[in-house]
């Protein structure tokens, strides 16, 4: 179970609020008519460790001890193919119930619904599978931008309860990239926007992304000089790698 929780100390150092976790998953599934599947998954953090830190007058405490995460209810139906075939496809969805603890970073406190499309297959000793849902797509886009920022020595991170890409600028959290996705008729519109070199003054007159007081930054403010074309070309290759990567398992 990964964590994307981080904060900056008063010395402008990044601290891992959740550094290590030992998680047990309590799972169950019911298959009907050899086509439909219903499942549940309850992650149970058995042990956690991290580093508490303070930002100004606010203290961010690292979680410790056991707890529970968000209960995940899933359903899927096979659309074509059969088990063990060279290729089979399914569609489904997951519902996340906010049963976890926000203070322990095991929940964002929100009810979430993620549609998914899955394909898989098996041939001889080779078994492969791929899955892409809206939330997974968001994470992959965020990871692509984070990877690209790292190539310029900028430490970016994502936040589960507020999609986008964030950095710490002089010890203060600031948003450098935004996401806006619309899925219609199998196509995704809009995408990701990263601030390169622009006039940030208009952001002072609004609540960026609906969050009062959210600071906004850009590459130029972080000491990186790029044109929009250069930044787009560099980021495009990272997006291609992260969005179209698949995992293959040899048994």
C-alpha atoms as a PDB file:
ATOM      1  CA  UNK A   1       0.000   0.000   0.000  1.00  0.00           C
ATOM      2  CA  UNK A   2       1.726   3.170  -1.167  1.00  0.00           C
ATOM      3  CA  UNK A   3       1.487   6.641   0.218  1.00  0.00           C
ATOM      4  CA  UNK A   4       1.894  10.001  -1.424  1.00  0.00           C
ATOM      5  CA  UNK A   5       1.842  11.959   1.843  1.00  0.00           C
ATOM      6  CA  UNK A   6       4.668  14.424   2.397  1.00  0.00           C
ATOM      7  CA  UNK A   7       5.248  17.724   4.149  1.00  0.00           C
ATOM      8  CA  UNK A   8       8.000  20.270   4.563  1.00  0.00           C
ATOM      9  CA  UNK A   9       9.648  21.012   7.867  1.00  0.00           C
ATOM     10  CA  UNK A  10      10.474  24.507   9.033  1.00  0.00           C
ATOM     11  CA  UNK A  11      13.961  23.958   7.587  1.00  0.00           C
ATOM     12  CA  UNK A  12      12.449  23.437   4.103  1.00  0.00           C
ATOM     13  CA  UNK A  13      13.256  19.724   4.152  1.00  0.00           C
ATOM     14  CA  UNK A  14      10.747  17.206   2.818  1.00  0.00           C
ATOM     15  CA  UNK A  15       9.617  14.681   5.417  1.00  0.00           C
ATOM     16  CA  UNK A  16       7.910  11.386   4.663  1.00  0.00           C
ATOM     17  CA  UNK A  17       4.856  11.333   6.918  1.00  0.00           C
ATOM     18  CA  UNK A  18       4.293   7.720   5.898  1.00  0.00           C
ATOM     19  CA  UNK A  19       7.582   6.017   5.139  1.00  0.00           C
ATOM     20  CA  UNK A  20       6.770   2.344   5.648  1.00  0.00           C
ATOM     21  CA  UNK A  21       3.563   0.328   5.973  1.00  0.00           C
ATOM     22  CA  UNK A  22       2.734  -3.296   6.605  1.00  0.00           C
ATOM     23  CA  UNK A  23      -0.769  -3.909   5.232  1.00  0.00           C
ATOM     24  CA  UNK A  24      -2.952  -7.010   5.256  1.00  0.00           C
ATOM     25  CA  UNK A  25      -5.869  -7.176   2.803  1.00  0.00           C
ATOM     26  CA  UNK A  26      -9.044  -8.993   3.831  1.00  0.00           C
ATOM     27  CA  UNK A  27     -10.626 -10.068   0.554  1.00  0.00           C
ATOM     28  CA  UNK A  28     -13.599 -12.032  -0.675  1.00  0.00           C
ATOM     29  CA  UNK A  29     -15.203 -12.673  -4.043  1.00  0.00           C
ATOM     30  CA  UNK A  30     -18.309 -14.274  -5.539  1.00  0.00           C
ATOM     31  CA  UNK A  31     -18.468 -15.422  -9.166  1.00  0.00           C
ATOM     32  CA  UNK A  32     -21.858 -15.986 -10.808  1.00  0.00           C
ATOM     33  CA  UNK A  33     -22.623 -17.687 -14.123  1.00  0.00           C
ATOM     34  CA  UNK A  34     -18.882 -17.814 -14.864  1.00  0.00           C
ATOM     35  CA  UNK A  35     -19.191 -14.263 -16.142  1.00  0.00           C
ATOM     36  CA  UNK A  36     -19.975 -11.806 -13.336  1.00  0.00           C
ATOM     37  CA  UNK A  37     -17.731 -11.194 -10.331  1.00  0.00           C
ATOM     38  CA  UNK A  38     -18.457  -9.339  -7.107  1.00  0.00           C
ATOM     39  CA  UNK A  39     -15.663  -8.686  -4.634  1.00  0.00           C
ATOM     40  CA  UNK A  40     -14.672  -6.746  -1.555  1.00  0.00           C
ATOM     41  CA  UNK A  41     -11.305  -5.672  -0.225  1.00  0.00           C
ATOM     42  CA  UNK A  42     -10.585  -4.161   3.189  1.00  0.00           C
ATOM     43  CA  UNK A  43      -6.968  -3.025   3.673  1.00  0.00           C
ATOM     44  CA  UNK A  44      -5.827  -3.280   7.288  1.00  0.00           C
ATOM     45  CA  UNK A  45      -2.590  -1.411   8.115  1.00  0.00           C
ATOM     46  CA  UNK A  46      -0.902  -3.552  10.769  1.00  0.00           C
ATOM     47  CA  UNK A  47       2.099  -1.275  11.302  1.00  0.00           C
ATOM     48  CA  UNK A  48       3.110   2.157  10.029  1.00  0.00           C
ATOM     49  CA  UNK A  49       6.079   4.439  10.456  1.00  0.00           C
ATOM     50  CA  UNK A  50       7.029   7.902   9.319  1.00  0.00           C
ATOM     51  CA  UNK A  51       8.353  11.257  10.424  1.00  0.00           C
ATOM     52  CA  UNK A  52       6.227  13.927  12.078  1.00  0.00           C
ATOM     53  CA  UNK A  53       6.994  17.490  11.056  1.00  0.00           C
ATOM     54  CA  UNK A  54       5.813  21.046  11.609  1.00  0.00           C
ATOM     55  CA  UNK A  55       4.991  23.660   9.003  1.00  0.00           C
ATOM     56  CA  UNK A  56       4.618  26.982  10.744  1.00  0.00           C
ATOM     57  CA  UNK A  57       2.224  26.479  13.646  1.00  0.00           C
ATOM     58  CA  UNK A  58       0.691  23.330  12.184  1.00  0.00           C
ATOM     59  CA  UNK A  59       2.045  19.923  13.186  1.00  0.00           C
ATOM     60  CA  UNK A  60       1.609  16.949  10.849  1.00  0.00           C
ATOM     61  CA  UNK A  61       1.802  13.753  12.865  1.00  0.00           C
ATOM     62  CA  UNK A  62       3.073  10.496  11.441  1.00  0.00           C
ATOM     63  CA  UNK A  63       0.627   7.604  11.855  1.00  0.00           C
ATOM     64  CA  UNK A  64       1.454   4.604  13.996  1.00  0.00           C
ATOM     65  CA  UNK A  65      -0.122   1.315  14.997  1.00  0.00           C
ATOM     66  CA  UNK A  66      -2.923  -0.618  13.345  1.00  0.00           C
ATOM     67  CA  UNK A  67      -6.148   0.588  11.746  1.00  0.00           C
ATOM     68  CA  UNK A  68      -8.339   0.034   8.710  1.00  0.00           C
ATOM     69  CA  UNK A  69      -8.462   1.564   5.275  1.00  0.00           C
ATOM     70  CA  UNK A  70     -11.306   2.326   2.896  1.00  0.00           C
ATOM     71  CA  UNK A  71     -13.588  -0.628   2.129  1.00  0.00           C
ATOM     72  CA  UNK A  72     -13.579  -1.352  -1.593  1.00  0.00           C
ATOM     73  CA  UNK A  73     -16.575  -2.980  -3.269  1.00  0.00           C
ATOM     74  CA  UNK A  74     -16.159  -4.139  -6.839  1.00  0.00           C
ATOM     75  CA  UNK A  75     -18.190  -5.645  -9.626  1.00  0.00           C
ATOM     76  CA  UNK A  76     -17.207  -6.681 -13.137  1.00  0.00           C
ATOM     77  CA  UNK A  77     -18.677  -8.627 -16.035  1.00  0.00           C
ATOM     78  CA  UNK A  78     -16.794 -10.458 -18.768  1.00  0.00           C
ATOM     79  CA  UNK A  79     -17.690  -9.030 -22.175  1.00  0.00           C
ATOM     80  CA  UNK A  80     -15.842 -11.447 -24.440  1.00  0.00           C
ATOM     81  CA  UNK A  81     -13.456 -14.373 -24.300  1.00  0.00           C
ATOM     82  CA  UNK A  82     -13.242 -17.023 -21.608  1.00  0.00           C
ATOM     83  CA  UNK A  83     -10.946 -17.839 -18.707  1.00  0.00           C
ATOM     84  CA  UNK A  84      -7.559 -19.027 -19.939  1.00  0.00           C
ATOM     85  CA  UNK A  85      -8.108 -17.712 -23.469  1.00  0.00           C
ATOM     86  CA  UNK A  86      -5.467 -15.745 -25.337  1.00  0.00           C
ATOM     87  CA  UNK A  87      -7.505 -12.603 -24.822  1.00  0.00           C
ATOM     88  CA  UNK A  88     -10.556 -11.775 -22.747  1.00  0.00           C
ATOM     89  CA  UNK A  89     -12.096  -8.451 -21.781  1.00  0.00           C
ATOM     90  CA  UNK A  90     -14.285  -7.133 -18.992  1.00  0.00           C
ATOM     91  CA  UNK A  91     -15.821  -3.911 -17.710  1.00  0.00           C
ATOM     92  CA  UNK A  92     -16.599  -3.038 -14.129  1.00  0.00           C
ATOM     93  CA  UNK A  93     -16.391  -0.504 -11.350  1.00  0.00           C
ATOM     94  CA  UNK A  94     -15.148  -0.057  -7.806  1.00  0.00           C
ATOM     95  CA  UNK A  95     -16.867   1.787  -4.974  1.00  0.00           C
ATOM     96  CA  UNK A  96     -14.667   3.056  -2.146  1.00  0.00           C
ATOM     97  CA  UNK A  97     -16.411   3.612   1.186  1.00  0.00           C
ATOM     98  CA  UNK A  98     -14.629   6.070   3.536  1.00  0.00           C
ATOM     99  CA  UNK A  99     -14.116   3.668   6.438  1.00  0.00           C
ATOM    100  CA  UNK A 100     -10.475   4.614   6.990  1.00  0.00           C
ATOM    101  CA  UNK A 101      -8.870   7.339   9.068  1.00  0.00           C
ATOM    102  CA  UNK A 102      -7.724  10.548   7.383  1.00  0.00           C
ATOM    103  CA  UNK A 103      -5.294  11.282  10.226  1.00  0.00           C
ATOM    104  CA  UNK A 104      -3.635   7.919   9.603  1.00  0.00           C
ATOM    105  CA  UNK A 105      -3.548   8.613   5.822  1.00  0.00           C
ATOM    106  CA  UNK A 106      -5.583   5.462   5.187  1.00  0.00           C
ATOM    107  CA  UNK A 107      -8.506   7.408   3.706  1.00  0.00           C
ATOM    108  CA  UNK A 108      -9.282  10.738   2.081  1.00  0.00           C
ATOM    109  CA  UNK A 109     -12.730  10.809   3.698  1.00  0.00           C
ATOM    110  CA  UNK A 110     -14.556  10.766   0.375  1.00  0.00           C
ATOM    111  CA  UNK A 111     -16.903   8.325  -1.319  1.00  0.00           C
ATOM    112  CA  UNK A 112     -15.338   7.379  -4.652  1.00  0.00           C
ATOM    113  CA  UNK A 113     -16.577   5.526  -7.727  1.00  0.00           C
ATOM    114  CA  UNK A 114     -14.127   4.317 -10.392  1.00  0.00           C
ATOM    115  CA  UNK A 115     -15.198   2.686 -13.667  1.00  0.00           C
ATOM    116  CA  UNK A 116     -12.669   0.272 -15.157  1.00  0.00           C
ATOM    117  CA  UNK A 117     -11.905  -1.567 -18.375  1.00  0.00           C
ATOM    118  CA  UNK A 118      -9.759  -4.717 -18.173  1.00  0.00           C
ATOM    119  CA  UNK A 119      -8.166  -7.007 -20.741  1.00  0.00           C
ATOM    120  CA  UNK A 120      -6.069 -10.094 -20.074  1.00  0.00           C
ATOM    121  CA  UNK A 121      -4.866 -13.239 -21.746  1.00  0.00           C
ATOM    122  CA  UNK A 122      -2.779 -16.361 -21.413  1.00  0.00           C
ATOM    123  CA  UNK A 123      -0.597 -18.244 -23.873  1.00  0.00           C
ATOM    124  CA  UNK A 124       1.582 -21.162 -22.863  1.00  0.00           C
ATOM    125  CA  UNK A 125       3.588 -19.914 -19.825  1.00  0.00           C
ATOM    126  CA  UNK A 126       2.918 -16.247 -20.509  1.00  0.00           C
ATOM    127  CA  UNK A 127       0.090 -14.481 -18.694  1.00  0.00           C
ATOM    128  CA  UNK A 128      -0.609 -10.809 -19.248  1.00  0.00           C
ATOM    129  CA  UNK A 129      -3.148  -8.254 -18.122  1.00  0.00           C
ATOM    130  CA  UNK A 130      -3.914  -4.565 -18.311  1.00  0.00           C
ATOM    131  CA  UNK A 131      -6.400  -2.372 -16.499  1.00  0.00           C
ATOM    132  CA  UNK A 132      -7.265   1.267 -16.941  1.00  0.00           C
ATOM    133  CA  UNK A 133      -9.821   3.252 -14.977  1.00  0.00           C
ATOM    134  CA  UNK A 134     -10.365   6.969 -14.499  1.00  0.00           C
ATOM    135  CA  UNK A 135      -8.532   7.131 -11.164  1.00  0.00           C
ATOM    136  CA  UNK A 136      -5.680   5.007 -12.453  1.00  0.00           C
ATOM    137  CA  UNK A 137      -5.411   7.271 -15.473  1.00  0.00           C
ATOM    138  CA  UNK A 138      -5.209  10.301 -13.168  1.00  0.00           C
ATOM    139  CA  UNK A 139      -2.431   8.659 -11.146  1.00  0.00           C
ATOM    140  CA  UNK A 140      -0.501   7.740 -14.281  1.00  0.00           C
ATOM    141  CA  UNK A 141      -0.700  11.295 -15.608  1.00  0.00           C
ATOM    142  CA  UNK A 142       0.408  12.674 -12.238  1.00  0.00           C
ATOM    143  CA  UNK A 143       3.297  10.192 -12.097  1.00  0.00           C
ATOM    144  CA  UNK A 144       4.412  11.188 -15.598  1.00  0.00           C
ATOM    145  CA  UNK A 145       4.582  14.851 -14.593  1.00  0.00           C
ATOM    146  CA  UNK A 146       6.318  13.986 -11.293  1.00  0.00           C
ATOM    147  CA  UNK A 147       8.864  11.911 -13.219  1.00  0.00           C
ATOM    148  CA  UNK A 148       9.462  14.768 -15.649  1.00  0.00           C
ATOM    149  CA  UNK A 149       9.857  17.319 -12.846  1.00  0.00           C
ATOM    150  CA  UNK A 150      12.385  15.022 -11.163  1.00  0.00           C
ATOM    151  CA  UNK A 151      14.521  15.177 -14.321  1.00  0.00           C
ATOM    152  CA  UNK A 152      14.837  18.903 -13.560  1.00  0.00           C
ATOM    153  CA  UNK A 153      15.628  18.282  -9.872  1.00  0.00           C
ATOM    154  CA  UNK A 154      12.143  19.330  -8.772  1.00  0.00           C
ATOM    155  CA  UNK A 155      10.411  17.109  -6.191  1.00  0.00           C
ATOM    156  CA  UNK A 156       6.738  16.924  -7.139  1.00  0.00           C
ATOM    157  CA  UNK A 157       3.975  14.890  -5.547  1.00  0.00           C
ATOM    158  CA  UNK A 158       0.269  14.150  -5.896  1.00  0.00           C
ATOM    159  CA  UNK A 159      -2.603  14.276  -3.418  1.00  0.00           C
ATOM    160  CA  UNK A 160      -5.398  11.715  -3.475  1.00  0.00           C
ATOM    161  CA  UNK A 161      -8.022  14.159  -2.219  1.00  0.00           C
ATOM    162  CA  UNK A 162      -6.995  16.984  -4.579  1.00  0.00           C
ATOM    163  CA  UNK A 163      -5.800  15.734  -7.992  1.00  0.00           C
ATOM    164  CA  UNK A 164      -2.926  17.657  -9.511  1.00  0.00           C
ATOM    165  CA  UNK A 165       0.818  18.021  -9.102  1.00  0.00           C
ATOM    166  CA  UNK A 166       2.309  19.914  -6.185  1.00  0.00           C
ATOM    167  CA  UNK A 167       5.757  21.088  -5.103  1.00  0.00           C
ATOM    168  CA  UNK A 168       7.190  22.810  -2.062  1.00  0.00           C
ATOM    169  CA  UNK A 169       8.330  26.347  -2.810  1.00  0.00           C
ATOM    170  CA  UNK A 170      10.239  27.929   0.069  1.00  0.00           C
ATOM    171  CA  UNK A 171       8.576  25.448   2.400  1.00  0.00           C
ATOM    172  CA  UNK A 172       5.044  26.275   1.200  1.00  0.00           C
ATOM    173  CA  UNK A 173       2.923  23.911  -0.859  1.00  0.00           C
ATOM    174  CA  UNK A 174       2.180  25.191  -4.352  1.00  0.00           C
ATOM    175  CA  UNK A 175       0.393  23.694  -7.330  1.00  0.00           C
ATOM    176  CA  UNK A 176       2.351  23.473 -10.560  1.00  0.00           C
ATOM    177  CA  UNK A 177       0.134  21.167 -12.620  1.00  0.00           C
ATOM    178  CA  UNK A 178      -3.627  20.706 -12.984  1.00  0.00           C
ATOM    179  CA  UNK A 179      -5.799  17.922 -14.349  1.00  0.00           C
ATOM    180  CA  UNK A 180      -9.121  18.191 -16.109  1.00  0.00           C
ATOM    181  CA  UNK A 181     -10.495  15.031 -17.668  1.00  0.00           C
ATOM    182  CA  UNK A 182     -13.782  14.449 -19.449  1.00  0.00           C
ATOM    183  CA  UNK A 183     -14.613  10.993 -20.776  1.00  0.00           C
ATOM    184  CA  UNK A 184     -17.266  10.812 -23.475  1.00  0.00           C
ATOM    185  CA  UNK A 185     -17.954   8.174 -26.100  1.00  0.00           C
ATOM    186  CA  UNK A 186     -14.709   6.402 -25.253  1.00  0.00           C
ATOM    187  CA  UNK A 187     -12.579   9.536 -25.718  1.00  0.00           C
ATOM    188  CA  UNK A 188     -10.806  11.640 -23.115  1.00  0.00           C
ATOM    189  CA  UNK A 189     -10.936  15.405 -23.502  1.00  0.00           C
ATOM    190  CA  UNK A 190      -8.774  18.112 -21.923  1.00  0.00           C
ATOM    191  CA  UNK A 191      -5.881  16.536 -20.008  1.00  0.00           C
ATOM    192  CA  UNK A 192      -3.008  17.980 -17.998  1.00  0.00           C
ATOM    193  CA  UNK A 193      -1.692  21.521 -17.802  1.00  0.00           C
ATOM    194  CA  UNK A 194       1.705  22.417 -16.338  1.00  0.00           C
ATOM    195  CA  UNK A 195       2.649  26.016 -15.616  1.00  0.00           C
ATOM    196  CA  UNK A 196       5.837  26.835 -17.537  1.00  0.00           C
ATOM    197  CA  UNK A 197       6.416  30.595 -17.722  1.00  0.00           C
ATOM    198  CA  UNK A 198       3.419  32.863 -17.336  1.00  0.00           C
ATOM    199  CA  UNK A 199       1.856  35.718 -15.382  1.00  0.00           C
ATOM    200  CA  UNK A 200       0.625  34.159 -12.144  1.00  0.00           C
ATOM    201  CA  UNK A 201      -1.044  37.338 -10.856  1.00  0.00           C
ATOM    202  CA  UNK A 202      -4.588  36.372 -11.982  1.00  0.00           C
ATOM    203  CA  UNK A 203      -4.482  33.370  -9.636  1.00  0.00           C
ATOM    204  CA  UNK A 204      -4.424  35.804  -6.703  1.00  0.00           C
ATOM    205  CA  UNK A 205      -7.950  36.946  -7.619  1.00  0.00           C
ATOM    206  CA  UNK A 206      -9.506  33.474  -7.514  1.00  0.00           C
ATOM    207  CA  UNK A 207      -9.516  30.289  -5.468  1.00  0.00           C
ATOM    208  CA  UNK A 208      -7.370  28.032  -7.676  1.00  0.00           C
ATOM    209  CA  UNK A 209      -9.226  24.773  -8.367  1.00  0.00           C
ATOM    210  CA  UNK A 210     -11.746  25.814  -5.716  1.00  0.00           C
ATOM    211  CA  UNK A 211      -9.232  25.785  -2.842  1.00  0.00           C
ATOM    212  CA  UNK A 212      -8.977  29.114  -0.975  1.00  0.00           C
ATOM    213  CA  UNK A 213      -5.403  30.198  -0.382  1.00  0.00           C
ATOM    214  CA  UNK A 214      -3.863  27.588  -2.674  1.00  0.00           C
ATOM    215  CA  UNK A 215      -0.541  28.852  -3.966  1.00  0.00           C
ATOM    216  CA  UNK A 216       0.348  28.431  -7.645  1.00  0.00           C
ATOM    217  CA  UNK A 217       3.851  28.242  -9.081  1.00  0.00           C
ATOM    218  CA  UNK A 218       5.629  27.489 -12.358  1.00  0.00           C
ATOM    219  CA  UNK A 219       8.852  26.115 -13.807  1.00  0.00           C
ATOM    220  CA  UNK A 220      10.359  29.557 -14.280  1.00  0.00           C
ATOM    221  CA  UNK A 221       9.831  30.418 -10.606  1.00  0.00           C
ATOM    222  CA  UNK A 222      11.684  27.217  -9.677  1.00  0.00           C
ATOM    223  CA  UNK A 223      14.707  28.109 -11.788  1.00  0.00           C
ATOM    224  CA  UNK A 224      13.935  25.990 -14.859  1.00  0.00           C
ATOM    225  CA  UNK A 225      13.942  27.746 -18.232  1.00  0.00           C
ATOM    226  CA  UNK A 226      11.827  26.070 -20.900  1.00  0.00           C
ATOM    227  CA  UNK A 227       9.568  27.190 -23.700  1.00  0.00           C
ATOM    228  CA  UNK A 228       6.075  25.737 -23.862  1.00  0.00           C
ATOM    229  CA  UNK A 229       7.115  23.706 -26.926  1.00  0.00           C
ATOM    230  CA  UNK A 230      10.207  22.316 -25.201  1.00  0.00           C
ATOM    231  CA  UNK A 231       8.253  21.439 -22.078  1.00  0.00           C
ATOM    232  CA  UNK A 232       5.506  19.809 -24.141  1.00  0.00           C
ATOM    233  CA  UNK A 233       7.936  17.661 -26.123  1.00  0.00           C
ATOM    234  CA  UNK A 234       9.719  16.490 -22.961  1.00  0.00           C
ATOM    235  CA  UNK A 235       6.503  15.749 -21.093  1.00  0.00           C
ATOM    236  CA  UNK A 236       4.887  13.957 -24.044  1.00  0.00           C
ATOM    237  CA  UNK A 237       7.425  11.131 -23.972  1.00  0.00           C
ATOM    238  CA  UNK A 238       6.903  10.670 -20.208  1.00  0.00           C
ATOM    239  CA  UNK A 239       3.132  10.583 -20.658  1.00  0.00           C
ATOM    240  CA  UNK A 240       3.432   7.968 -23.387  1.00  0.00           C
ATOM    241  CA  UNK A 241       5.609   5.786 -21.145  1.00  0.00           C
ATOM    242  CA  UNK A 242       3.327   6.002 -18.103  1.00  0.00           C
ATOM    243  CA  UNK A 243      -0.039   5.806 -19.870  1.00  0.00           C
ATOM    244  CA  UNK A 244       0.770   2.850 -22.106  1.00  0.00           C
ATOM    245  CA  UNK A 245       2.908   0.777 -19.776  1.00  0.00           C
ATOM    246  CA  UNK A 246       1.651  -2.746 -19.029  1.00  0.00           C
ATOM    247  CA  UNK A 247       2.768  -5.492 -16.678  1.00  0.00           C
ATOM    248  CA  UNK A 248       3.656  -8.941 -17.894  1.00  0.00           C
ATOM    249  CA  UNK A 249       3.992 -11.977 -15.612  1.00  0.00           C
ATOM    250  CA  UNK A 250       5.794 -15.187 -16.565  1.00  0.00           C
ATOM    251  CA  UNK A 251       4.729 -18.161 -14.458  1.00  0.00           C
END
